[in-house]
Amino acid sequence: MPEKLAICLLASEVEPLSKTGGLADVSAALAKYLHGAGHDVRLFTPCYASIDRAAYSAQPVAALQQVPLAVGPNNYVFSVLRAQLPGGAPAYLIDCPALYARTAIYTSDPDEHLRFLGFTRAALTACQRLAWAPQVLHCNDWHTAFAPLFLRTAWQDEPLFAATRTVLTIHNIGYQGIFPAARIADLGLPGRRSLLHQEDLAAGRINALRHGIRYADSVTTVSPTHAREICSDEYGMGLQDSLRARGRAVTGILNGVDYDEWDPRHDRYLPAHYDAGRLAVKGELKRQFAKREKLAAAPKVPLAGLVSRLAVQKGIELMFEALPKVLGARPLTFVALGNGEPQYEEFFALLERRFPGRVVFHGGYDEELAHWIEAASDLFLMPSRYEPCGLNQMYSLRYGTVPVVRRTGGLADSVRHYNPRNGTGTGVVFNDFNTQALEWALNTALDLYAAPRHWTRVVKNGMQQDFSWDRQGGKYVALYRRLIAA
């Protein structure tokens, strides 16, 4: 029997406790996979004010109540609650009201860096007090990126961590946790200035993510293509030199999908279920959805869906010209769910007014509605400027909803352009980041929809794809074992 591993996961959000994006889904799903495989996995996350403690049976950990916490010259007190995630993995909630009793998970407050330096230090302190020695410390994004450096400095004499290996996963390189160099004391590393990135210091800043890249034993991102992209000047967002310096230590592992949650064969949000052999049920769900959303178009008119953060990363501006043009020229209905930058919200609201009965926009996020959009739509739009992994295109494939995506990051790794000559491929893929390319992709998808034989083939091709955590989670375990062996 392979050795069972002790793995400490640090994540700033975890579904269903807290969520703003894909990190929450991935941290929960990876913990679920590792726990199910028999590993001793413990996931640490902040106890935000929005978390319903009773709903998740969060109980105080006796040895971790009212623990002093120094974050440089800043002093706090934290306690730890233990909850259980769906699937059984334990989640340890760092309860520190001074840092996490706020109206939002993330803020623009001047102490934002302290909130996550405090979280990282509290998690390591909790491991100490529990006398638990993780073989792997797996941190995620900038929020916990100082953990590898802390292990080499502030905790270098702690025997529990002597053999701990570190992994940093970058989910979104656009968020780097930059704070003023004048706050260097907040790191709590007196006399260690030389270990920090000197050019950043000279420029008056400290970049949390850069230090994770420099000091983690392994740096991963959430797709093989994106691992190559972020080492380039185009996609590295100022960190490409640090990434290139790590060489083969930078790798990509495509995120998995939790098919317990996202599968039309048993989706708890849907009144009827289907698979590739029962696509008529998908058509009926589309009719029900169109009626509920007051979409007046006939059932045979294709429905395109979008569920997204409305941010510059997502390529929404490509739709400004392309989507009205295609809507004006061809039969098409469209439903969007998301919130974010005002210019994008205003665009979708205006589009709804311009095409009444054909376009519906829901601001915000609603889990049930997200599942309905995946099931009822014929097409799913993801014209991203960059996309480290993306999950919705993989959800769409399972739901028989053909993804229309730009060839970047995880979209390039998970969707193959359909070839009508041999019937291979799972979606519509375009290359260039411009309006004309998206317009071409939309028209190509509509042409495909108008050819039932090809449409059925691409739908069924997609539904056969397997992006389960049983496949992808095993790649993380293999990485952990390589690090431990080294």
Protein backbone atom coordinates (compact mmCIF):
# COMPACT_ATOMS: atom_id res chain seq x y z
CA MET A 1 0.00 0.00 0.00
CA PRO A 2 1.36 3.48 -0.85
CA GLU A 3 2.20 5.64 2.13
CA LYS A 4 -0.65 7.92 3.20
CA LEU A 5 0.50 11.52 3.29
CA ALA A 6 0.00 14.36 5.78
CA ILE A 7 -1.01 17.41 3.74
CA CYS A 8 -1.77 20.90 5.01
CA LEU A 9 -3.82 23.02 2.60
CA LEU A 10 -4.04 26.80 3.04
CA ALA A 11 -6.76 28.58 1.06
CA SER A 12 -8.32 32.01 1.44
CA GLU A 13 -11.69 30.65 0.29
CA VAL A 14 -13.30 27.24 0.15
CA GLU A 15 -16.69 26.21 -1.16
CA PRO A 16 -19.28 26.06 0.42
CA LEU A 17 -17.91 28.14 3.31
CA SER A 18 -16.72 31.11 1.26
CA LYS A 19 -16.45 31.80 -2.43
CA THR A 20 -15.62 34.53 -4.93
CA GLY A 21 -14.17 32.37 -7.70
CA GLY A 22 -12.64 29.09 -8.82
CA LEU A 23 -10.14 28.88 -5.94
CA ALA A 24 -13.03 28.03 -3.61
CA ASP A 25 -14.16 25.16 -5.84
CA VAL A 26 -10.66 23.80 -6.35
CA SER A 27 -9.57 23.94 -2.71
CA ALA A 28 -12.74 22.10 -1.62
CA ALA A 29 -12.54 19.52 -4.39
CA LEU A 30 -8.84 18.78 -3.85
CA ALA A 31 -9.40 18.38 -0.09
CA LYS A 32 -12.33 16.06 -0.83
CA TYR A 33 -10.24 13.96 -3.23
CA LEU A 34 -7.27 13.68 -0.85
CA HIS A 35 -9.50 12.78 2.09
CA GLY A 36 -11.33 10.18 0.02
CA ALA A 37 -7.99 8.67 -0.99
CA GLY A 38 -7.14 8.16 2.69
CA HIS A 39 -4.61 10.95 3.20
CA ASP A 40 -4.46 13.03 6.38
CA VAL A 41 -5.46 16.33 4.78
CA ARG A 42 -6.33 19.39 6.87
CA LEU A 43 -7.55 22.53 5.17
CA PHE A 44 -7.11 25.89 6.92
CA THR A 45 -9.17 28.94 5.91
CA PRO A 46 -10.26 32.23 7.53
CA CYS A 47 -13.52 32.26 9.49
CA TYR A 48 -15.22 35.15 7.70
CA ALA A 49 -18.28 36.85 9.17
CA SER A 50 -20.37 35.49 6.29
CA ILE A 51 -19.78 31.84 7.27
CA ASP A 52 -22.77 30.21 8.98
CA ARG A 53 -20.96 28.30 11.71
CA ALA A 54 -24.01 26.34 12.81
CA ALA A 55 -24.78 25.19 9.27
CA TYR A 56 -21.39 23.46 9.08
CA SER A 57 -21.36 22.25 12.73
CA ALA A 58 -18.20 24.23 13.42
CA GLN A 59 -16.89 23.28 16.85
CA PRO A 60 -14.10 24.92 18.90
CA VAL A 61 -10.78 23.06 18.94
CA ALA A 62 -9.92 22.83 22.64
CA ALA A 63 -6.20 23.39 22.28
CA LEU A 64 -6.66 26.37 19.97
CA GLN A 65 -8.70 28.96 21.83
CA GLN A 66 -7.64 32.56 22.43
CA VAL A 67 -4.17 32.02 21.00
CA PRO A 68 -1.90 35.11 20.84
CA LEU A 69 -0.89 36.04 17.30
CA ALA A 70 1.90 38.48 16.46
CA VAL A 71 2.09 39.75 12.90
CA GLY A 72 5.19 41.87 13.11
CA PRO A 73 4.37 44.66 15.58
CA ASN A 74 0.62 43.97 15.29
CA ASN A 75 -0.96 41.79 17.98
CA TYR A 76 -4.16 39.77 17.65
CA VAL A 77 -5.87 36.81 19.27
CA PHE A 78 -7.35 33.90 17.32
CA SER A 79 -9.28 30.71 17.97
CA VAL A 80 -9.87 27.73 15.70
CA LEU A 81 -13.13 26.00 14.83
CA ARG A 82 -13.26 22.60 13.16
CA ALA A 83 -15.89 21.97 10.51
CA GLN A 84 -16.47 19.19 8.02
CA LEU A 85 -16.60 19.80 4.30
CA PRO A 86 -18.89 17.83 1.97
CA GLY A 87 -17.11 14.52 1.51
CA GLY A 88 -15.72 14.51 5.04
CA ALA A 89 -12.46 16.46 4.83
CA PRO A 90 -11.82 18.61 7.93
CA ALA A 91 -11.67 22.39 7.62
CA TYR A 92 -10.01 24.44 10.35
CA LEU A 93 -11.44 27.95 10.51
CA ILE A 94 -9.14 30.69 11.81
CA ASP A 95 -11.47 32.87 13.88
CA CYS A 96 -10.01 36.33 14.40
CA PRO A 97 -12.77 38.97 14.37
CA ALA A 98 -10.29 41.85 14.18
CA LEU A 99 -9.22 40.52 10.77
CA TYR A 100 -12.21 38.65 9.33
CA ALA A 101 -15.40 40.19 10.77
CA ARG A 102 -15.99 42.35 7.69
CA THR A 103 -18.70 42.66 5.09
CA ALA A 104 -16.63 41.07 2.31
CA ILE A 105 -14.12 38.24 1.98
CA TYR A 106 -11.60 40.55 0.33
CA THR A 107 -11.32 44.28 0.93
CA SER A 108 -9.34 47.31 -0.16
CA ASP A 109 -8.61 48.16 3.48
CA PRO A 110 -5.06 49.28 4.30
CA ASP A 111 -4.52 46.17 6.45
CA GLU A 112 -5.48 43.68 3.72
CA HIS A 113 -1.95 42.26 3.71
CA LEU A 114 -2.10 41.84 7.50
CA ARG A 115 -5.32 39.82 7.21
CA PHE A 116 -3.56 37.13 5.20
CA LEU A 117 -0.13 37.33 6.81
CA GLY A 118 -2.09 36.74 10.02
CA PHE A 119 -3.97 33.81 8.49
CA THR A 120 -0.74 32.18 7.31
CA ARG A 121 0.97 32.58 10.67
CA ALA A 122 -2.11 31.40 12.56
CA ALA A 123 -2.31 28.22 10.46
CA LEU A 124 1.33 27.39 11.11
CA THR A 125 0.88 28.11 14.82
CA ALA A 126 -2.16 25.83 14.87
CA CYS A 127 -0.14 22.97 13.37
CA GLN A 128 2.48 23.51 16.08
CA ARG A 129 -0.08 23.44 18.89
CA LEU A 130 -1.71 20.33 17.45
CA ALA A 131 1.76 18.71 17.28
CA TRP A 132 0.98 17.83 13.66
CA ALA A 133 3.83 17.55 11.17
CA PRO A 134 2.60 18.01 7.59
CA GLN A 135 4.81 16.43 4.95
CA VAL A 136 3.47 18.92 2.41
CA LEU A 137 2.32 22.49 2.94
CA HIS A 138 0.23 23.44 -0.09
CA CYS A 139 -0.54 27.17 -0.27
CA ASN A 140 -2.68 28.97 -2.82
CA ASP A 141 -2.32 32.39 -4.44
CA TRP A 142 -0.80 35.49 -2.87
CA HIS A 143 -2.77 35.23 0.36
CA THR A 144 -0.59 32.40 1.68
CA ALA A 145 2.47 32.84 -0.51
CA PHE A 146 4.75 33.87 2.36
CA ALA A 147 4.35 30.46 4.01
CA PRO A 148 7.41 28.89 2.31
CA LEU A 149 9.62 31.81 3.42
CA PHE A 150 8.18 31.69 6.95
CA LEU A 151 9.09 27.99 7.20
CA ARG A 152 12.68 28.81 6.21
CA THR A 153 12.99 31.66 8.70
CA ALA A 154 10.58 32.17 11.61
CA TRP A 155 9.86 28.41 11.88
CA GLN A 156 13.26 27.08 10.81
CA ASP A 157 13.97 25.61 14.25
CA GLU A 158 10.59 23.85 14.60
CA PRO A 159 11.21 20.07 14.32
CA LEU A 160 7.63 19.47 13.16
CA PHE A 161 8.38 21.36 9.94
CA ALA A 162 11.92 20.11 9.37
CA ALA A 163 10.90 17.78 6.53
CA THR A 164 7.91 19.78 5.25
CA ARG A 165 7.96 20.46 1.53
CA THR A 166 6.07 23.39 0.05
CA VAL A 167 3.85 23.84 -3.01
CA LEU A 168 2.46 27.17 -4.22
CA THR A 169 -0.43 27.03 -6.68
CA ILE A 170 -1.11 30.19 -8.69
CA HIS A 171 -4.80 30.35 -9.57
CA ASN A 172 -4.74 33.93 -10.87
CA ILE A 173 -1.46 35.71 -11.43
CA GLY A 174 -3.30 39.00 -11.83
CA TYR A 175 -3.67 39.24 -8.04
CA GLN A 176 -0.26 39.50 -6.37
CA GLY A 177 -0.76 40.90 -2.86
CA ILE A 178 1.39 44.01 -3.23
CA PHE A 179 1.80 46.28 -0.21
CA PRO A 180 4.15 49.18 0.65
CA ALA A 181 7.76 48.42 1.52
CA ALA A 182 7.30 50.79 4.45
CA ARG A 183 5.28 47.97 6.04
CA ILE A 184 8.21 45.54 5.96
CA ALA A 185 8.04 45.09 9.75
CA ASP A 186 4.63 43.43 9.31
CA LEU A 187 6.41 40.37 7.93
CA GLY A 188 7.93 39.71 11.34
CA LEU A 189 11.30 38.84 9.82
CA PRO A 190 13.81 41.18 11.52
CA GLY A 191 17.29 40.93 10.08
CA ARG A 192 16.04 39.05 7.00
CA ARG A 193 15.68 41.97 4.62
CA SER A 194 18.23 40.40 2.28
CA LEU A 195 15.83 37.50 1.61
CA LEU A 196 13.25 39.82 0.09
CA HIS A 197 13.18 40.85 -3.55
CA GLN A 198 15.55 43.79 -3.63
CA GLU A 199 14.31 45.48 -6.80
CA ASP A 200 10.78 45.53 -5.44
CA LEU A 201 11.98 46.99 -2.16
CA ALA A 202 13.90 49.68 -4.01
CA ALA A 203 10.71 50.51 -5.88
CA GLY A 204 8.84 50.84 -2.59
CA ARG A 205 6.79 47.63 -2.67
CA ILE A 206 6.63 44.07 -1.38
CA ASN A 207 5.01 41.47 -3.63
CA ALA A 208 3.61 38.49 -1.74
CA LEU A 209 3.16 36.23 -4.76
CA ARG A 210 6.71 36.81 -5.96
CA HIS A 211 8.09 35.52 -2.67
CA GLY A 212 6.02 32.35 -2.93
CA ILE A 213 7.42 31.82 -6.42
CA ARG A 214 10.97 32.32 -5.14
CA TYR A 215 10.79 30.09 -2.06
CA ALA A 216 8.26 27.29 -2.62
CA ASP A 217 9.78 23.92 -3.46
CA SER A 218 7.33 23.60 -6.34
CA VAL A 219 5.24 26.20 -8.15
CA THR A 220 2.18 24.99 -9.97
CA THR A 221 -0.56 26.69 -11.90
CA VAL A 222 -3.87 25.32 -12.97
CA SER A 223 -3.19 24.22 -16.55
CA PRO A 224 -0.11 23.14 -18.54
CA THR A 225 -0.62 25.85 -21.18
CA HIS A 226 -0.90 28.58 -18.54
CA ALA A 227 2.32 27.35 -16.89
CA ARG A 228 4.10 28.17 -20.15
CA GLU A 229 2.16 31.41 -20.68
CA ILE A 230 3.04 32.97 -17.31
CA CYS A 231 6.74 32.58 -18.03
CA SER A 232 6.31 34.90 -21.01
CA ASP A 233 6.39 38.69 -21.06
CA GLU A 234 2.82 38.77 -22.39
CA TYR A 235 1.22 36.83 -19.54
CA GLY A 236 3.73 37.01 -16.66
CA MET A 237 2.34 40.30 -15.31
CA GLY A 238 5.74 41.38 -14.04
CA LEU A 239 6.62 38.04 -12.45
CA GLN A 240 7.94 36.30 -15.56
CA ASP A 241 11.59 36.71 -14.58
CA SER A 242 11.01 35.11 -11.18
CA LEU A 243 9.07 32.28 -12.82
CA ARG A 244 11.65 31.68 -15.52
CA ALA A 245 14.35 31.55 -12.83
CA ARG A 246 12.60 28.55 -11.26
CA GLY A 247 12.86 26.52 -14.48
CA ARG A 248 11.35 23.04 -14.18
CA ALA A 249 10.00 23.79 -10.71
CA VAL A 250 7.11 25.56 -12.49
CA THR A 251 4.50 23.12 -13.80
CA GLY A 252 0.82 23.05 -14.69
CA ILE A 253 -1.87 20.65 -13.48
CA LEU A 254 -5.30 21.17 -14.99
CA ASN A 255 -8.02 21.61 -12.39
CA GLY A 256 -10.48 18.79 -11.96
CA VAL A 257 -14.25 19.00 -11.85
CA ASP A 258 -16.33 17.79 -8.93
CA TYR A 259 -18.82 15.66 -10.83
CA ASP A 260 -20.72 15.02 -7.60
CA GLU A 261 -21.78 18.66 -7.91
CA TRP A 262 -21.67 19.24 -11.67
CA ASP A 263 -23.28 16.41 -13.62
CA PRO A 264 -26.65 16.50 -15.42
CA ARG A 265 -27.25 12.87 -14.49
CA HIS A 266 -27.89 13.82 -10.85
CA ASP A 267 -27.72 17.64 -10.53
CA ARG A 268 -29.68 18.51 -7.38
CA TYR A 269 -30.80 21.85 -8.82
CA LEU A 270 -32.54 20.33 -11.85
CA PRO A 271 -36.04 18.81 -11.87
CA ALA A 272 -35.07 16.24 -14.52
CA HIS A 273 -31.79 14.56 -15.39
CA TYR A 274 -30.13 13.47 -18.60
CA ASP A 275 -27.05 12.07 -20.28
CA ALA A 276 -25.84 11.72 -23.86
CA GLY A 277 -28.59 9.18 -24.53
CA ARG A 278 -31.39 11.41 -23.19
CA LEU A 279 -30.77 14.77 -24.81
CA ALA A 280 -34.51 15.35 -25.22
CA VAL A 281 -34.56 16.07 -21.47
CA LYS A 282 -32.03 18.84 -22.02
CA GLY A 283 -34.38 20.30 -24.63
CA GLU A 284 -37.26 20.21 -22.15
CA LEU A 285 -35.15 21.95 -19.50
CA LYS A 286 -34.34 24.61 -22.08
CA ARG A 287 -38.06 25.15 -22.71
CA GLN A 288 -38.78 25.42 -18.99
CA PHE A 289 -35.91 27.83 -18.51
CA ALA A 290 -36.96 30.01 -21.46
CA LYS A 291 -40.46 30.26 -20.05
CA ARG A 292 -39.18 31.15 -16.58
CA GLU A 293 -36.81 33.79 -17.96
CA LYS A 294 -39.47 35.17 -20.35
CA LEU A 295 -37.33 34.42 -23.39
CA ALA A 296 -39.80 34.66 -26.25
CA ALA A 297 -37.81 32.88 -28.95
CA ALA A 298 -38.92 29.52 -30.30
CA PRO A 299 -37.42 26.40 -28.66
CA LYS A 300 -35.32 25.70 -31.74
CA VAL A 301 -33.50 29.05 -31.50
CA PRO A 302 -30.09 28.44 -29.89
CA LEU A 303 -29.51 29.76 -26.37
CA ALA A 304 -26.05 31.04 -25.41
CA GLY A 305 -25.11 31.32 -21.74
CA LEU A 306 -22.46 33.05 -19.68
CA VAL A 307 -21.65 32.70 -15.96
CA SER A 308 -18.66 34.81 -15.02
CA ARG A 309 -16.95 37.38 -12.91
CA LEU A 310 -17.28 40.50 -15.02
CA ALA A 311 -13.61 41.45 -15.09
CA VAL A 312 -11.14 42.52 -17.76
CA GLN A 313 -9.61 39.02 -17.69
CA LYS A 314 -12.82 37.52 -19.06
CA GLY A 315 -12.77 39.30 -22.43
CA ILE A 316 -16.22 40.83 -22.03
CA GLU A 317 -15.23 43.84 -24.15
CA LEU A 318 -15.03 41.54 -27.20
CA MET A 319 -18.77 41.13 -26.86
CA PHE A 320 -19.47 44.87 -27.06
CA GLU A 321 -19.59 44.76 -30.87
CA ALA A 322 -19.72 41.07 -31.70
CA LEU A 323 -22.74 40.05 -29.64
CA PRO A 324 -25.17 42.81 -30.77
CA LYS A 325 -24.06 42.26 -34.35
CA VAL A 326 -24.76 38.53 -34.26
CA LEU A 327 -28.00 39.00 -32.30
CA GLY A 328 -29.12 41.50 -34.94
CA ALA A 329 -28.33 39.21 -37.85
CA ARG A 330 -29.21 35.69 -36.68
CA PRO A 331 -31.62 33.75 -34.46
CA LEU A 332 -30.01 33.63 -31.02
CA THR A 333 -31.00 34.16 -27.38
CA PHE A 334 -28.60 34.94 -24.57
CA VAL A 335 -28.56 34.78 -20.77
CA ALA A 336 -25.77 36.09 -18.54
CA LEU A 337 -25.12 35.76 -14.80
CA GLY A 338 -22.37 37.66 -13.03
CA ASN A 339 -21.17 40.85 -11.44
CA GLY A 340 -18.04 42.92 -11.39
CA GLU A 341 -16.84 46.02 -13.18
CA PRO A 342 -19.62 48.57 -13.81
CA GLN A 343 -18.89 48.95 -17.53
CA TYR A 344 -19.60 45.25 -18.10
CA GLU A 345 -22.72 45.19 -15.96
CA GLU A 346 -24.00 48.24 -17.84
CA PHE A 347 -23.30 46.57 -21.18
CA PHE A 348 -25.39 43.50 -20.34
CA ALA A 349 -28.20 45.61 -18.86
CA LEU A 350 -28.26 47.71 -22.04
CA LEU A 351 -28.19 44.58 -24.21
CA GLU A 352 -31.23 43.26 -22.32
CA ARG A 353 -33.12 46.48 -23.04
CA ARG A 354 -32.04 46.49 -26.69
CA PHE A 355 -33.15 42.89 -27.30
CA PRO A 356 -36.20 42.36 -25.06
CA GLY A 357 -37.30 38.76 -24.86
CA ARG A 358 -34.01 37.60 -26.34
CA VAL A 359 -31.44 38.70 -23.74
CA VAL A 360 -31.64 38.34 -19.95
CA PHE A 361 -29.01 39.59 -17.49
CA HIS A 362 -28.87 38.60 -13.82
CA GLY A 363 -26.45 40.65 -11.73
CA GLY A 364 -24.71 38.87 -8.85
CA TYR A 365 -24.27 35.13 -8.39
CA ASP A 366 -26.79 32.38 -7.75
CA GLU A 367 -25.65 28.75 -7.56
CA GLU A 368 -28.97 27.27 -8.68
CA LEU A 369 -29.21 29.65 -11.63
CA ALA A 370 -25.63 28.82 -12.63
CA HIS A 371 -26.57 25.13 -12.86
CA TRP A 372 -29.71 25.93 -14.85
CA ILE A 373 -27.74 28.04 -17.33
CA GLU A 374 -25.27 25.21 -17.89
CA ALA A 375 -28.09 22.71 -18.45
CA ALA A 376 -30.45 24.84 -20.54
CA SER A 377 -27.95 26.57 -22.82
CA ASP A 378 -26.81 25.27 -26.18
CA LEU A 379 -23.63 27.39 -26.21
CA PHE A 380 -21.43 28.73 -23.43
CA LEU A 381 -19.26 31.81 -24.05
CA MET A 382 -15.74 32.20 -22.60
CA PRO A 383 -13.78 34.69 -24.78
CA SER A 384 -11.12 35.20 -22.11
CA ARG A 385 -8.14 37.50 -22.43
CA TYR A 386 -6.37 34.95 -20.25
CA GLU A 387 -7.78 31.98 -18.32
CA PRO A 388 -5.46 30.09 -15.96
CA CYS A 389 -7.79 27.09 -16.03
CA GLY A 390 -11.47 27.87 -16.11
CA LEU A 391 -14.08 25.44 -14.84
CA ASN A 392 -17.22 26.44 -16.68
CA GLN A 393 -15.98 25.14 -20.02
CA MET A 394 -15.50 21.72 -18.38
CA TYR A 395 -18.92 21.92 -16.72
CA SER A 396 -20.38 22.82 -20.12
CA LEU A 397 -18.83 19.81 -21.81
CA ARG A 398 -20.43 17.47 -19.28
CA TYR A 399 -23.81 19.20 -19.70
CA GLY A 400 -23.77 18.94 -23.51
CA THR A 401 -23.42 22.71 -23.81
CA VAL A 402 -20.90 23.53 -26.52
CA PRO A 403 -18.16 25.90 -25.26
CA VAL A 404 -17.11 28.83 -27.44
CA VAL A 405 -13.68 29.73 -26.09
CA ARG A 406 -10.48 31.57 -26.89
CA ARG A 407 -7.35 29.42 -27.17
CA THR A 408 -5.58 30.38 -23.93
CA GLY A 409 -4.60 28.69 -20.67
CA GLY A 410 -6.89 25.92 -19.48
CA LEU A 411 -9.36 26.64 -22.26
CA ALA A 412 -6.73 25.51 -24.75
CA ASP A 413 -6.05 22.39 -22.68
CA SER A 414 -9.66 21.29 -22.27
CA VAL A 415 -11.56 22.26 -25.46
CA ARG A 416 -10.66 21.08 -28.97
CA HIS A 417 -12.06 22.82 -32.03
CA TYR A 418 -14.63 20.69 -33.84
CA ASN A 419 -13.55 19.34 -37.22
CA PRO A 420 -16.58 18.52 -39.42
CA ARG A 421 -14.43 16.45 -41.77
CA ASN A 422 -13.75 13.71 -39.23
CA GLY A 423 -16.21 14.55 -36.43
CA THR A 424 -13.57 15.14 -33.78
CA GLY A 425 -13.48 18.02 -31.32
CA THR A 426 -15.60 19.30 -28.46
CA GLY A 427 -16.27 23.01 -29.07
CA VAL A 428 -15.52 26.16 -31.04
CA VAL A 429 -12.08 27.65 -30.42
CA PHE A 430 -10.74 30.97 -31.72
CA ASN A 431 -7.23 32.35 -31.48
CA ASP A 432 -7.02 36.14 -31.71
CA PHE A 433 -8.20 38.48 -28.98
CA ASN A 434 -10.35 40.75 -31.10
CA THR A 435 -13.98 41.36 -31.99
CA GLN A 436 -13.73 39.80 -35.44
CA ALA A 437 -12.44 36.52 -34.01
CA LEU A 438 -15.30 36.26 -31.52
CA GLU A 439 -17.83 37.13 -34.23
CA TRP A 440 -16.35 34.34 -36.40
CA ALA A 441 -16.59 31.90 -33.49
CA LEU A 442 -20.23 32.77 -32.77
CA ASN A 443 -21.21 32.38 -36.42
CA THR A 444 -19.26 29.12 -36.65
CA ALA A 445 -21.14 27.80 -33.62
CA LEU A 446 -24.51 28.86 -35.06
CA ASP A 447 -23.66 27.22 -38.40
CA LEU A 448 -22.82 24.06 -36.49
CA TYR A 449 -26.13 24.26 -34.60
CA ALA A 450 -27.93 24.48 -37.93
CA ALA A 451 -26.38 21.14 -39.00
CA PRO A 452 -28.05 18.63 -36.62
CA ARG A 453 -25.75 15.71 -37.42
CA HIS A 454 -22.62 17.70 -36.60
CA TRP A 455 -24.24 19.40 -33.63
CA THR A 456 -25.20 16.09 -32.02
CA ARG A 457 -21.69 14.80 -32.62
CA VAL A 458 -19.92 17.73 -30.97
CA VAL A 459 -22.36 17.64 -28.04
CA LYS A 460 -21.78 13.93 -27.45
CA ASN A 461 -18.01 14.28 -27.90
CA GLY A 462 -17.99 16.83 -25.10
CA MET A 463 -20.12 14.73 -22.77
CA GLN A 464 -17.59 11.87 -23.04
CA GLN A 465 -14.73 13.96 -21.66
CA ASP A 466 -13.40 13.12 -18.18
CA PHE A 467 -11.92 15.95 -16.11
CA SER A 468 -12.64 14.31 -12.76
CA TRP A 469 -10.52 14.83 -9.66
CA ASP A 470 -9.83 11.09 -9.72
CA ARG A 471 -7.57 11.89 -12.66
CA GLN A 472 -6.29 15.35 -11.78
CA GLY A 473 -5.98 14.82 -8.02
CA GLY A 474 -3.64 11.91 -8.60
CA LYS A 475 -1.24 14.29 -10.34
CA TYR A 476 -0.98 16.39 -7.16
CA VAL A 477 -0.27 13.28 -5.09
CA ALA A 478 2.46 12.27 -7.54
CA LEU A 479 3.96 15.76 -7.20
CA TYR A 480 3.82 15.55 -3.39
CA ARG A 481 5.57 12.19 -3.44
CA ARG A 482 8.34 13.48 -5.72
CA LEU A 483 8.98 16.42 -3.40
CA ILE A 484 9.05 14.23 -0.30
CA ALA A 485 11.40 11.75 -1.97
CA ALA A 486 13.73 14.56 -3.01
